[in-house]
Each structure stands twice: as C-alpha cells, then as structure tokens.
Amino acid sequence: MRTLGGQRAVRGVDPVDLPAADVPWCEELQGRTVVLKCGGSTLDDPALRRSFAQDVVELWHAGLHPVVVHGGGPQISSMLDRLALEVRFEAGMRVTTPEAMDVVRMVLTGQVQRDLVGAINAHGPFAVGMSGEDAHTLTAVRRPAWVDGRAVDIGLVGDIVSVAPDTVRNLLAGGRIPVVSPVARGADGQIYNVNADLAASALAVALGADRLVMLTDVPGLCADWPRSTEVIPRLTAGELDALLPGLAGGMLPKMEGCLRAVRSGVGRVHVLDGRTPHAVLRGVLTEEATGTTVLSDDAAHGVARDAEEALS
C-alpha cells in the first residue's frame, strides 16, 4: 500500500490505497485551495469524523490547501429538543428564532467545531477553528424564503453578501487548516445562522478555490427524486440552473451553492456521499469518484473538446 501522490502517510494511520495513475492529477492540484463542506450527519458518526479528518490531513500532505466549513444540523436539532424549543424547516432552511440562534452559535462553535478540530489535530498541529464572525470574515443580510410563491419568515437566517478572506489566507500561509463555523455578522451587528453549503460556496469563491467539495448523506443529485434514485454523474451550470426550481429540502441550498460557485470562478464542485469512508480523497484526487460533479459551461465545453480530440 502506498501514500497519495507519493506523500507520507498520516502518522499512525494506514494510508489510502490509490493507483499510481492518480499521481499526476494530485500534482496538478498542488498549491491549490480546496474548500470542503462537511455536514453534521457525517460529523455525528465518530468513525466517519475520523475518516474525514484523515482525508483532510492527507490533502495537506499532498500539497493542497484544504479549508473546512462544517454544518451541525443534527446536533443543533438535538439540543433544541432538549431545551424544548421548536425545530422547523422552510425551503430547506432552519427557522431560526433569537432563542434558536443562541443554540446554533453554541453548538456549532462550542461543540461540533471543537470535535472536528480535535479529530484533525490528532494527526498534528494543523487545524485552527474560527467562526464567520471572526474578523468579519462573513457578512450576511437576512435571507428571504419563498414557499409556493409565498413569503415565509425564517427568522435569523442569513445570506452572505461579502467575504473578507484575509484571516483564512493567513492561516493557510502559516501551514494551518482553517475550520470555519457558518455563523455570520450583519452590518448592523446582528448575528445570523448561515446555511453551511452556501457559506462554503461563498468562501470558495472569495479564496479563488480550485475545488469545492460538498459532503452530504445521499449518493448525489438524483435526476427525478423521489421517483428515481439515479444519480446525475456530471452536469453543467446551465443544466443545474434549469433543475434548481424543481429541487426541495436540503438539496435546494446545496445545489444553489454549487451553482453560485461554478458561475463565480470555482473550477468544479463535487457533491459526494459523506457516508462513504475517504470520499473526499477520491473526489478531489481522482476523476473516478461517485456522486455529482458540477462544471461551469465553459469548463464543460473544454472537457467535451478534449474528449473529441482524444478520439480523433
């Protein structure tokens, strides 16, 4: 068994076995920034959390610059239940009252982030936790929600309007792995709960990331859910834009984030099943990962042109 891209293994952990053909792909990405969004459902499983942490450190050893944005939906819901506070979603977003916002802030930065930082730092002094509030990294405004053409009040849910990425860049320059909680500050000082997929997308754009990886608890984007479980392996921004109005639940903000990213310069976005161990490594370092890949329209034309030239 060999390490990724010829790099050394994470100390005390067996390296992941990938074929030698993957090495040039790894070398092409060295020095590039990769934003990884990990959902709370993955982080709730200790084994998957350890696997994800190992993948993040392996990417670092392979010469990439990983940035992690994490969710924490199941953990937040669990705490709200314990406190007898309402758990409700509209248009794929958590309805966030001021009381719920206190819980969101506490759970994301005080529990989920600390567990993830600890899992990464089990392999060395890599991860540094921060919130979107820190140094005004993420600034948001109150996000409107629409259900069947009707405006719905979802409370203190924010949509990011600006990103100040210098703090994240400084951590990367110092050889660290930033782990970011999706909580943002408004220009008026109000604190907002931001969907982690949209936060990861905005941060990836601001950092000029080459890749954005969205880990979820499904195999990918299905062509006709729930009537079909057939996963769309690859689609363009234009194709995704046409599908977006028909999406619902948590997949809606996730794919909205994918679309925003590829249309704003991120090279490609991978939506991968976070329940699969080492999904991140195979998604980033190979072109054989399962799931859904979203490309910009220009990039998709380039892929098609290269394929035609290869066959000619």
C-alpha atoms as a PDB file:
ATOM      1  CA  MET A   1       0.000   0.000   0.000  1.00  0.00           C
ATOM      2  CA  ARG A   2       1.304   3.467  -0.923  1.00  0.00           C
ATOM      3  CA  THR A   3       0.514   7.009   0.087  1.00  0.00           C
ATOM      4  CA  LEU A   4      -1.298   9.558  -2.028  1.00  0.00           C
ATOM      5  CA  GLY A   5       0.834  11.301  -4.622  1.00  0.00           C
ATOM      6  CA  GLY A   6       3.978   9.801  -3.138  1.00  0.00           C
ATOM      7  CA  GLN A   7       3.461  11.789   0.067  1.00  0.00           C
ATOM      8  CA  ARG A   8       3.942  10.368   3.510  1.00  0.00           C
ATOM      9  CA  ALA A   9       1.065   8.790   5.397  1.00  0.00           C
ATOM     10  CA  VAL A  10      -0.652  10.357   8.367  1.00  0.00           C
ATOM     11  CA  ARG A  11       1.221   9.150  11.416  1.00  0.00           C
ATOM     12  CA  GLY A  12      -0.367   6.098  12.980  1.00  0.00           C
ATOM     13  CA  VAL A  13      -2.996   5.719  10.245  1.00  0.00           C
ATOM     14  CA  ASP A  14      -2.872   3.371   7.286  1.00  0.00           C
ATOM     15  CA  PRO A  15      -2.575   5.337   4.030  1.00  0.00           C
ATOM     16  CA  VAL A  16      -5.346   5.120   1.481  1.00  0.00           C
ATOM     17  CA  ASP A  17      -4.505   2.920  -1.484  1.00  0.00           C
ATOM     18  CA  LEU A  18      -4.989   4.733  -4.787  1.00  0.00           C
ATOM     19  CA  PRO A  19      -3.438   3.693  -8.110  1.00  0.00           C
ATOM     20  CA  ALA A  20      -0.318   5.324  -9.478  1.00  0.00           C
ATOM     21  CA  ALA A  21      -2.359   6.803 -12.347  1.00  0.00           C
ATOM     22  CA  ASP A  22      -3.818   9.257  -9.852  1.00  0.00           C
ATOM     23  CA  VAL A  23      -0.457  10.863  -9.047  1.00  0.00           C
ATOM     24  CA  PRO A  24      -0.357  13.386 -11.952  1.00  0.00           C
ATOM     25  CA  TRP A  25      -3.845  14.585 -11.004  1.00  0.00           C
ATOM     26  CA  CYS A  26      -2.596  15.128  -7.465  1.00  0.00           C
ATOM     27  CA  GLU A  27       0.483  17.008  -8.692  1.00  0.00           C
ATOM     28  CA  GLU A  28      -1.689  19.264 -10.844  1.00  0.00           C
ATOM     29  CA  LEU A  29      -3.585  20.375  -7.739  1.00  0.00           C
ATOM     30  CA  GLN A  30      -0.557  21.014  -5.520  1.00  0.00           C
ATOM     31  CA  GLY A  31      -0.646  24.524  -4.114  1.00  0.00           C
ATOM     32  CA  ARG A  32      -4.342  24.906  -4.933  1.00  0.00           C
ATOM     33  CA  THR A  33      -7.060  25.711  -2.407  1.00  0.00           C
ATOM     34  CA  VAL A  34      -9.828  23.173  -1.843  1.00  0.00           C
ATOM     35  CA  VAL A  35     -12.877  24.047   0.259  1.00  0.00           C
ATOM     36  CA  LEU A  36     -14.535  21.071   1.937  1.00  0.00           C
ATOM     37  CA  LYS A  37     -18.029  21.289   3.369  1.00  0.00           C
ATOM     38  CA  CYS A  38     -18.811  18.538   5.855  1.00  0.00           C
ATOM     39  CA  GLY A  39     -22.355  18.125   7.134  1.00  0.00           C
ATOM     40  CA  GLY A  40     -23.366  17.432  10.682  1.00  0.00           C
ATOM     41  CA  SER A  41     -24.694  13.982   9.766  1.00  0.00           C
ATOM     42  CA  THR A  42     -21.161  12.895   8.833  1.00  0.00           C
ATOM     43  CA  LEU A  43     -19.603  14.528  11.870  1.00  0.00           C
ATOM     44  CA  ASP A  44     -22.146  12.868  14.172  1.00  0.00           C
ATOM     45  CA  ASP A  45     -20.562   9.471  13.424  1.00  0.00           C
ATOM     46  CA  PRO A  46     -17.172   9.177  15.198  1.00  0.00           C
ATOM     47  CA  ALA A  47     -15.789   6.751  12.585  1.00  0.00           C
ATOM     48  CA  LEU A  48     -16.774   8.997   9.670  1.00  0.00           C
ATOM     49  CA  ARG A  49     -15.434  12.038  11.507  1.00  0.00           C
ATOM     50  CA  ARG A  50     -12.061  10.297  11.914  1.00  0.00           C
ATOM     51  CA  SER A  51     -12.070   9.254   8.243  1.00  0.00           C
ATOM     52  CA  PHE A  52     -12.859  12.809   7.139  1.00  0.00           C
ATOM     53  CA  ALA A  53     -10.129  14.224   9.381  1.00  0.00           C
ATOM     54  CA  GLN A  54      -7.618  11.788   7.913  1.00  0.00           C
ATOM     55  CA  ASP A  55      -8.618  12.809   4.392  1.00  0.00           C
ATOM     56  CA  VAL A  56      -8.163  16.491   5.208  1.00  0.00           C
ATOM     57  CA  VAL A  57      -4.667  15.902   6.566  1.00  0.00           C
ATOM     58  CA  GLU A  58      -3.767  13.683   3.601  1.00  0.00           C
ATOM     59  CA  LEU A  59      -4.734  16.532   1.258  1.00  0.00           C
ATOM     60  CA  TRP A  60      -2.459  18.829   3.258  1.00  0.00           C
ATOM     61  CA  HIS A  61       0.412  16.342   2.954  1.00  0.00           C
ATOM     62  CA  ALA A  62      -0.264  16.039  -0.786  1.00  0.00           C
ATOM     63  CA  GLY A  63       0.454  19.752  -1.164  1.00  0.00           C
ATOM     64  CA  LEU A  64      -3.073  21.134  -1.314  1.00  0.00           C
ATOM     65  CA  HIS A  65      -4.528  23.864   0.905  1.00  0.00           C
ATOM     66  CA  PRO A  66      -7.724  22.497   2.480  1.00  0.00           C
ATOM     67  CA  VAL A  67     -10.281  24.775   4.124  1.00  0.00           C
ATOM     68  CA  VAL A  68     -13.142  23.127   6.033  1.00  0.00           C
ATOM     69  CA  VAL A  69     -16.630  24.553   6.511  1.00  0.00           C
ATOM     70  CA  HIS A  70     -18.839  22.422   8.737  1.00  0.00           C
ATOM     71  CA  GLY A  71     -22.533  22.095   9.429  1.00  0.00           C
ATOM     72  CA  GLY A  72     -24.200  20.714  12.508  1.00  0.00           C
ATOM     73  CA  GLY A  73     -27.882  20.248  11.796  1.00  0.00           C
ATOM     74  CA  PRO A  74     -28.492  17.028  13.763  1.00  0.00           C
ATOM     75  CA  GLN A  75     -26.565  18.333  16.764  1.00  0.00           C
ATOM     76  CA  ILE A  76     -28.497  21.623  16.748  1.00  0.00           C
ATOM     77  CA  SER A  77     -31.843  19.820  16.470  1.00  0.00           C
ATOM     78  CA  SER A  78     -30.896  17.525  19.334  1.00  0.00           C
ATOM     79  CA  MET A  79     -30.046  20.460  21.594  1.00  0.00           C
ATOM     80  CA  LEU A  80     -33.216  22.329  20.629  1.00  0.00           C
ATOM     81  CA  ASP A  81     -35.230  19.223  21.523  1.00  0.00           C
ATOM     82  CA  ARG A  82     -33.502  19.002  24.891  1.00  0.00           C
ATOM     83  CA  LEU A  83     -34.376  22.648  25.549  1.00  0.00           C
ATOM     84  CA  ALA A  84     -37.979  22.146  24.359  1.00  0.00           C
ATOM     85  CA  LEU A  85     -37.528  24.666  21.535  1.00  0.00           C
ATOM     86  CA  GLU A  86     -39.235  24.260  18.161  1.00  0.00           C
ATOM     87  CA  VAL A  87     -37.411  22.536  15.297  1.00  0.00           C
ATOM     88  CA  ARG A  88     -38.836  23.639  11.948  1.00  0.00           C
ATOM     89  CA  PHE A  89     -37.571  23.978   8.378  1.00  0.00           C
ATOM     90  CA  GLU A  90     -38.876  26.012   5.445  1.00  0.00           C
ATOM     91  CA  ALA A  91     -37.434  25.973   1.906  1.00  0.00           C
ATOM     92  CA  GLY A  92     -34.580  23.777   3.147  1.00  0.00           C
ATOM     93  CA  MET A  93     -33.588  26.294   5.847  1.00  0.00           C
ATOM     94  CA  ARG A  94     -33.850  26.053   9.618  1.00  0.00           C
ATOM     95  CA  VAL A  95     -36.319  28.574  11.034  1.00  0.00           C
ATOM     96  CA  THR A  96     -34.081  30.427  13.491  1.00  0.00           C
ATOM     97  CA  THR A  97     -35.651  32.400  16.322  1.00  0.00           C
ATOM     98  CA  PRO A  98     -33.422  34.508  18.629  1.00  0.00           C
ATOM     99  CA  GLU A  99     -33.544  31.648  21.172  1.00  0.00           C
ATOM    100  CA  ALA A 100     -32.615  29.118  18.493  1.00  0.00           C
ATOM    101  CA  MET A 101     -29.778  31.400  17.301  1.00  0.00           C
ATOM    102  CA  ASP A 102     -28.172  31.189  20.738  1.00  0.00           C
ATOM    103  CA  VAL A 103     -28.274  27.393  20.453  1.00  0.00           C
ATOM    104  CA  VAL A 104     -26.936  27.416  16.879  1.00  0.00           C
ATOM    105  CA  ARG A 105     -23.976  29.559  17.901  1.00  0.00           C
ATOM    106  CA  MET A 106     -23.241  27.461  20.976  1.00  0.00           C
ATOM    107  CA  VAL A 107     -23.465  24.069  19.238  1.00  0.00           C
ATOM    108  CA  LEU A 108     -21.580  24.982  16.059  1.00  0.00           C
ATOM    109  CA  THR A 109     -18.618  26.781  17.621  1.00  0.00           C
ATOM    110  CA  GLY A 110     -18.618  25.155  21.036  1.00  0.00           C
ATOM    111  CA  GLN A 111     -19.269  21.509  20.186  1.00  0.00           C
ATOM    112  CA  VAL A 112     -19.176  20.494  16.537  1.00  0.00           C
ATOM    113  CA  GLN A 113     -16.199  22.639  15.610  1.00  0.00           C
ATOM    114  CA  ARG A 114     -14.189  21.556  18.654  1.00  0.00           C
ATOM    115  CA  ASP A 115     -14.805  17.872  17.921  1.00  0.00           C
ATOM    116  CA  LEU A 116     -13.695  18.314  14.302  1.00  0.00           C
ATOM    117  CA  VAL A 117     -10.634  20.404  15.171  1.00  0.00           C
ATOM    118  CA  GLY A 118      -9.680  17.749  17.707  1.00  0.00           C
ATOM    119  CA  ALA A 119     -10.052  14.947  15.161  1.00  0.00           C
ATOM    120  CA  ILE A 120      -7.788  16.742  12.677  1.00  0.00           C
ATOM    121  CA  ASN A 121      -5.255  17.698  15.327  1.00  0.00           C
ATOM    122  CA  ALA A 122      -4.972  14.085  16.419  1.00  0.00           C
ATOM    123  CA  HIS A 123      -2.560  13.922  13.443  1.00  0.00           C
ATOM    124  CA  GLY A 124      -0.550  17.033  14.292  1.00  0.00           C
ATOM    125  CA  PRO A 125      -0.926  20.783  14.959  1.00  0.00           C
ATOM    126  CA  PHE A 126      -2.882  21.508  11.798  1.00  0.00           C
ATOM    127  CA  ALA A 127      -6.415  22.781  12.428  1.00  0.00           C
ATOM    128  CA  VAL A 128      -7.483  26.172  13.778  1.00  0.00           C
ATOM    129  CA  GLY A 129     -11.161  26.772  14.467  1.00  0.00           C
ATOM    130  CA  MET A 130     -12.880  30.044  13.660  1.00  0.00           C
ATOM    131  CA  SER A 131     -16.351  31.419  13.043  1.00  0.00           C
ATOM    132  CA  GLY A 132     -17.532  33.537  10.160  1.00  0.00           C
ATOM    133  CA  GLU A 133     -17.950  36.253  12.796  1.00  0.00           C
ATOM    134  CA  ASP A 134     -14.193  36.361  13.423  1.00  0.00           C
ATOM    135  CA  ALA A 135     -12.516  39.381  11.809  1.00  0.00           C
ATOM    136  CA  HIS A 136     -15.818  39.948   9.950  1.00  0.00           C
ATOM    137  CA  THR A 137     -14.890  37.074   7.652  1.00  0.00           C
ATOM    138  CA  LEU A 138     -18.527  36.523   6.644  1.00  0.00           C
ATOM    139  CA  THR A 139     -21.057  39.353   6.448  1.00  0.00           C
ATOM    140  CA  ALA A 140     -24.709  38.492   5.895  1.00  0.00           C
ATOM    141  CA  VAL A 141     -28.121  40.030   5.477  1.00  0.00           C
ATOM    142  CA  ARG A 142     -31.434  38.487   6.458  1.00  0.00           C
ATOM    143  CA  ARG A 143     -32.403  35.899   3.865  1.00  0.00           C
ATOM    144  CA  PRO A 144     -35.919  35.800   2.444  1.00  0.00           C
ATOM    145  CA  ALA A 145     -37.614  32.458   1.879  1.00  0.00           C
ATOM    146  CA  TRP A 146     -40.328  31.570  -0.588  1.00  0.00           C
ATOM    147  CA  VAL A 147     -42.579  28.521  -0.438  1.00  0.00           C
ATOM    148  CA  ASP A 148     -45.019  28.016  -3.319  1.00  0.00           C
ATOM    149  CA  GLY A 149     -44.660  31.673  -4.241  1.00  0.00           C
ATOM    150  CA  ARG A 150     -45.418  32.779  -0.689  1.00  0.00           C
ATOM    151  CA  ALA A 151     -43.005  34.729   1.517  1.00  0.00           C
ATOM    152  CA  VAL A 152     -42.142  32.839   4.724  1.00  0.00           C
ATOM    153  CA  ASP A 153     -40.413  34.294   7.779  1.00  0.00           C
ATOM    154  CA  ILE A 154     -37.492  32.034   8.692  1.00  0.00           C
ATOM    155  CA  GLY A 155     -36.020  34.310  11.345  1.00  0.00           C
ATOM    156  CA  LEU A 156     -32.319  34.974  11.798  1.00  0.00           C
ATOM    157  CA  VAL A 157     -31.159  33.122   8.698  1.00  0.00           C
ATOM    158  CA  GLY A 158     -28.547  34.999   6.718  1.00  0.00           C
ATOM    159  CA  ASP A 159     -27.414  35.184   3.131  1.00  0.00           C
ATOM    160  CA  ILE A 160     -23.756  36.112   2.694  1.00  0.00           C
ATOM    161  CA  VAL A 161     -23.178  39.425   0.930  1.00  0.00           C
ATOM    162  CA  SER A 162     -19.426  39.794   1.434  1.00  0.00           C
ATOM    163  CA  VAL A 163     -16.411  37.732   2.452  1.00  0.00           C
ATOM    164  CA  ALA A 164     -13.148  39.050   3.910  1.00  0.00           C
ATOM    165  CA  PRO A 165     -10.833  36.073   3.342  1.00  0.00           C
ATOM    166  CA  ASP A 166      -7.562  37.509   4.695  1.00  0.00           C
ATOM    167  CA  THR A 167      -7.759  35.689   8.039  1.00  0.00           C
ATOM    168  CA  VAL A 168      -8.296  32.364   6.258  1.00  0.00           C
ATOM    169  CA  ARG A 169      -5.484  33.137   3.802  1.00  0.00           C
ATOM    170  CA  ASN A 170      -3.125  33.980   6.655  1.00  0.00           C
ATOM    171  CA  LEU A 171      -3.864  30.654   8.332  1.00  0.00           C
ATOM    172  CA  LEU A 172      -3.201  28.814   5.053  1.00  0.00           C
ATOM    173  CA  ALA A 173       0.064  30.723   4.570  1.00  0.00           C
ATOM    174  CA  GLY A 174       1.093  29.601   8.042  1.00  0.00           C
ATOM    175  CA  GLY A 175       0.520  25.959   7.138  1.00  0.00           C
ATOM    176  CA  ARG A 176      -2.724  25.637   9.090  1.00  0.00           C
ATOM    177  CA  ILE A 177      -6.088  24.142   8.152  1.00  0.00           C
ATOM    178  CA  PRO A 178      -8.926  26.605   8.877  1.00  0.00           C
ATOM    179  CA  VAL A 179     -12.141  25.036  10.212  1.00  0.00           C
ATOM    180  CA  VAL A 180     -14.981  27.529   9.810  1.00  0.00           C
ATOM    181  CA  SER A 181     -18.389  27.582  11.519  1.00  0.00           C
ATOM    182  CA  PRO A 182     -21.141  29.082   9.295  1.00  0.00           C
ATOM    183  CA  VAL A 183     -22.212  31.908  11.575  1.00  0.00           C
ATOM    184  CA  ALA A 184     -22.052  35.440  10.154  1.00  0.00           C
ATOM    185  CA  ARG A 185     -22.373  39.004  11.354  1.00  0.00           C
ATOM    186  CA  GLY A 186     -24.641  41.587   9.776  1.00  0.00           C
ATOM    187  CA  ALA A 187     -23.553  45.157   9.109  1.00  0.00           C
ATOM    188  CA  ASP A 188     -25.884  46.144  11.964  1.00  0.00           C
ATOM    189  CA  GLY A 189     -24.227  43.736  14.379  1.00  0.00           C
ATOM    190  CA  GLN A 190     -26.988  41.101  14.202  1.00  0.00           C
ATOM    191  CA  ILE A 191     -25.700  37.513  14.188  1.00  0.00           C
ATOM    192  CA  TYR A 192     -27.109  35.154  11.554  1.00  0.00           C
ATOM    193  CA  ASN A 193     -27.316  31.429  11.047  1.00  0.00           C
ATOM    194  CA  VAL A 194     -25.986  30.715   7.545  1.00  0.00           C
ATOM    195  CA  ASN A 195     -26.548  27.512   5.619  1.00  0.00           C
ATOM    196  CA  ALA A 196     -23.183  25.709   5.591  1.00  0.00           C
ATOM    197  CA  ASP A 197     -23.412  24.850   1.886  1.00  0.00           C
ATOM    198  CA  LEU A 198     -23.884  28.500   0.959  1.00  0.00           C
ATOM    199  CA  ALA A 199     -21.138  29.581   3.365  1.00  0.00           C
ATOM    200  CA  ALA A 200     -18.725  27.088   1.809  1.00  0.00           C
ATOM    201  CA  SER A 201     -19.652  28.286  -1.660  1.00  0.00           C
ATOM    202  CA  ALA A 202     -19.090  31.958  -0.807  1.00  0.00           C
ATOM    203  CA  LEU A 203     -15.764  31.214   0.881  1.00  0.00           C
ATOM    204  CA  ALA A 204     -14.598  29.091  -2.055  1.00  0.00           C
ATOM    205  CA  VAL A 205     -15.332  31.965  -4.444  1.00  0.00           C
ATOM    206  CA  ALA A 206     -13.562  34.545  -2.269  1.00  0.00           C
ATOM    207  CA  LEU A 207     -10.484  32.335  -1.926  1.00  0.00           C
ATOM    208  CA  GLY A 208     -10.346  31.543  -5.648  1.00  0.00           C
ATOM    209  CA  ALA A 209     -10.574  27.849  -4.786  1.00  0.00           C
ATOM    210  CA  ASP A 210      -9.911  25.276  -7.463  1.00  0.00           C
ATOM    211  CA  ARG A 211     -12.358  22.791  -5.955  1.00  0.00           C
ATOM    212  CA  LEU A 212     -15.405  22.805  -3.711  1.00  0.00           C
ATOM    213  CA  VAL A 213     -16.490  19.513  -2.176  1.00  0.00           C
ATOM    214  CA  MET A 214     -19.933  19.131  -0.599  1.00  0.00           C
ATOM    215  CA  LEU A 215     -20.331  16.054   1.579  1.00  0.00           C
ATOM    216  CA  THR A 216     -23.929  15.009   2.110  1.00  0.00           C
ATOM    217  CA  ASP A 217     -25.939  11.995   3.304  1.00  0.00           C
ATOM    218  CA  VAL A 218     -27.173  10.950  -0.144  1.00  0.00           C
ATOM    219  CA  PRO A 219     -25.254   9.475  -3.122  1.00  0.00           C
ATOM    220  CA  GLY A 220     -25.527  12.706  -5.145  1.00  0.00           C
ATOM    221  CA  LEU A 221     -28.086  14.730  -7.085  1.00  0.00           C
ATOM    222  CA  CYS A 222     -30.828  12.447  -8.391  1.00  0.00           C
ATOM    223  CA  ALA A 223     -32.408  13.131 -11.769  1.00  0.00           C
ATOM    224  CA  ASP A 224     -36.018  12.632 -10.650  1.00  0.00           C
ATOM    225  CA  TRP A 225     -36.125  12.352  -6.863  1.00  0.00           C
ATOM    226  CA  PRO A 226     -38.092  10.776  -5.192  1.00  0.00           C
ATOM    227  CA  ARG A 227     -39.398   8.827  -8.178  1.00  0.00           C
ATOM    228  CA  SER A 228     -35.893   7.764  -9.153  1.00  0.00           C
ATOM    229  CA  THR A 229     -32.629   7.251  -7.266  1.00  0.00           C
ATOM    230  CA  GLU A 230     -30.498   7.507 -10.388  1.00  0.00           C
ATOM    231  CA  VAL A 231     -27.623   9.911  -9.674  1.00  0.00           C
ATOM    232  CA  ILE A 232     -26.580  12.508 -12.248  1.00  0.00           C
ATOM    233  CA  PRO A 233     -22.806  11.999 -12.530  1.00  0.00           C
ATOM    234  CA  ARG A 234     -21.992  15.310 -14.238  1.00  0.00           C
ATOM    235  CA  LEU A 235     -23.868  18.424 -15.290  1.00  0.00           C
ATOM    236  CA  THR A 236     -23.153  21.977 -16.368  1.00  0.00           C
ATOM    237  CA  ALA A 237     -24.124  25.196 -14.623  1.00  0.00           C
ATOM    238  CA  GLY A 238     -26.809  25.778 -17.236  1.00  0.00           C
ATOM    239  CA  GLU A 239     -28.268  22.318 -16.726  1.00  0.00           C
ATOM    240  CA  LEU A 240     -28.269  22.771 -12.951  1.00  0.00           C
ATOM    241  CA  ASP A 241     -29.915  26.181 -13.273  1.00  0.00           C
ATOM    242  CA  ALA A 242     -32.786  24.543 -15.173  1.00  0.00           C
ATOM    243  CA  LEU A 243     -33.183  21.850 -12.478  1.00  0.00           C
ATOM    244  CA  LEU A 244     -32.992  24.189  -9.474  1.00  0.00           C
ATOM    245  CA  PRO A 245     -36.685  25.237  -9.336  1.00  0.00           C
ATOM    246  CA  GLY A 246     -37.708  21.588  -9.002  1.00  0.00           C
ATOM    247  CA  LEU A 247     -35.426  20.834  -6.035  1.00  0.00           C
ATOM    248  CA  ALA A 248     -36.619  20.815  -2.433  1.00  0.00           C
ATOM    249  CA  GLY A 249     -35.400  20.317   1.114  1.00  0.00           C
ATOM    250  CA  GLY A 250     -31.707  20.404   1.963  1.00  0.00           C
ATOM    251  CA  MET A 251     -30.710  19.700  -1.643  1.00  0.00           C
ATOM    252  CA  LEU A 252     -32.001  23.123  -2.726  1.00  0.00           C
ATOM    253  CA  PRO A 253     -29.462  25.335  -0.864  1.00  0.00           C
ATOM    254  CA  LYS A 254     -26.728  22.770  -1.561  1.00  0.00           C
ATOM    255  CA  MET A 255     -27.175  22.936  -5.322  1.00  0.00           C
ATOM    256  CA  GLU A 256     -27.759  26.695  -5.156  1.00  0.00           C
ATOM    257  CA  GLY A 257     -24.312  26.910  -3.565  1.00  0.00           C
ATOM    258  CA  CYS A 258     -22.840  24.700  -6.285  1.00  0.00           C
ATOM    259  CA  LEU A 259     -24.296  26.913  -8.991  1.00  0.00           C
ATOM    260  CA  ARG A 260     -23.046  30.118  -7.368  1.00  0.00           C
ATOM    261  CA  ALA A 261     -19.548  28.653  -7.040  1.00  0.00           C
ATOM    262  CA  VAL A 262     -19.002  27.447 -10.608  1.00  0.00           C
ATOM    263  CA  ARG A 263     -20.518  30.620 -12.038  1.00  0.00           C
ATOM    264  CA  SER A 264     -18.114  32.692  -9.942  1.00  0.00           C
ATOM    265  CA  GLY A 265     -14.867  31.007 -10.908  1.00  0.00           C
ATOM    266  CA  VAL A 266     -14.516  27.845  -8.812  1.00  0.00           C
ATOM    267  CA  GLY A 267     -13.106  25.147 -11.108  1.00  0.00           C
ATOM    268  CA  ARG A 268     -15.577  22.416 -10.249  1.00  0.00           C
ATOM    269  CA  VAL A 269     -17.850  21.278  -7.452  1.00  0.00           C
ATOM    270  CA  HIS A 270     -18.245  17.701  -6.223  1.00  0.00           C
ATOM    271  CA  VAL A 271     -21.334  16.552  -4.315  1.00  0.00           C
ATOM    272  CA  LEU A 272     -20.286  13.331  -2.603  1.00  0.00           C
ATOM    273  CA  ASP A 273     -21.771  10.800  -0.216  1.00  0.00           C
ATOM    274  CA  GLY A 274     -20.189  11.564   3.148  1.00  0.00           C
ATOM    275  CA  ARG A 275     -21.257   8.169   4.457  1.00  0.00           C
ATOM    276  CA  THR A 276     -18.530   6.585   2.298  1.00  0.00           C
ATOM    277  CA  PRO A 277     -15.119   6.474   4.020  1.00  0.00           C
ATOM    278  CA  HIS A 278     -12.447   8.534   2.223  1.00  0.00           C
ATOM    279  CA  ALA A 279     -14.956  10.031  -0.199  1.00  0.00           C
ATOM    280  CA  VAL A 280     -13.019  13.308  -0.063  1.00  0.00           C
ATOM    281  CA  LEU A 281      -9.722  11.821  -1.241  1.00  0.00           C
ATOM    282  CA  ARG A 282     -11.273  10.032  -4.163  1.00  0.00           C
ATOM    283  CA  GLY A 283     -13.421  13.032  -5.016  1.00  0.00           C
ATOM    284  CA  VAL A 284     -10.540  15.504  -5.069  1.00  0.00           C
ATOM    285  CA  LEU A 285      -7.579  13.430  -6.191  1.00  0.00           C
ATOM    286  CA  THR A 286      -9.194  11.233  -8.833  1.00  0.00           C
ATOM    287  CA  GLU A 287     -11.776  11.633 -11.568  1.00  0.00           C
ATOM    288  CA  GLU A 288     -13.425   8.339 -10.713  1.00  0.00           C
ATOM    289  CA  ALA A 289     -15.419   9.318  -7.641  1.00  0.00           C
ATOM    290  CA  THR A 290     -19.119   8.600  -7.454  1.00  0.00           C
ATOM    291  CA  GLY A 291     -21.539  11.430  -6.814  1.00  0.00           C
ATOM    292  CA  THR A 292     -22.321  14.525  -8.863  1.00  0.00           C
ATOM    293  CA  THR A 293     -19.795  16.911 -10.399  1.00  0.00           C
ATOM    294  CA  VAL A 294     -20.881  20.394 -11.476  1.00  0.00           C
ATOM    295  CA  LEU A 295     -18.828  22.260 -14.088  1.00  0.00           C
ATOM    296  CA  SER A 296     -19.111  25.743 -15.481  1.00  0.00           C
ATOM    297  CA  ASP A 297     -20.476  25.858 -19.008  1.00  0.00           C
ATOM    298  CA  ASP A 298     -17.061  26.888 -20.364  1.00  0.00           C
ATOM    299  CA  ALA A 299     -15.266  24.107 -18.486  1.00  0.00           C
ATOM    300  CA  ALA A 300     -17.774  21.541 -19.731  1.00  0.00           C
ATOM    301  CA  HIS A 301     -17.165  22.667 -23.324  1.00  0.00           C
ATOM    302  CA  GLY A 302     -13.427  22.256 -22.727  1.00  0.00           C
ATOM    303  CA  VAL A 303     -13.892  18.719 -21.385  1.00  0.00           C
ATOM    304  CA  ALA A 304     -16.010  17.782 -24.380  1.00  0.00           C
ATOM    305  CA  ARG A 305     -13.460  19.276 -26.781  1.00  0.00           C
ATOM    306  CA  ASP A 306     -10.589  17.374 -25.128  1.00  0.00           C
ATOM    307  CA  ALA A 307     -12.581  14.146 -25.372  1.00  0.00           C
ATOM    308  CA  GLU A 308     -13.207  14.705 -29.061  1.00  0.00           C
ATOM    309  CA  GLU A 309      -9.526  15.417 -29.699  1.00  0.00           C
ATOM    310  CA  ALA A 310      -8.539  12.275 -27.798  1.00  0.00           C
ATOM    311  CA  LEU A 311     -10.795  10.191 -30.056  1.00  0.00           C
ATOM    312  CA  SER A 312      -9.639  11.803 -33.289  1.00  0.00           C
END
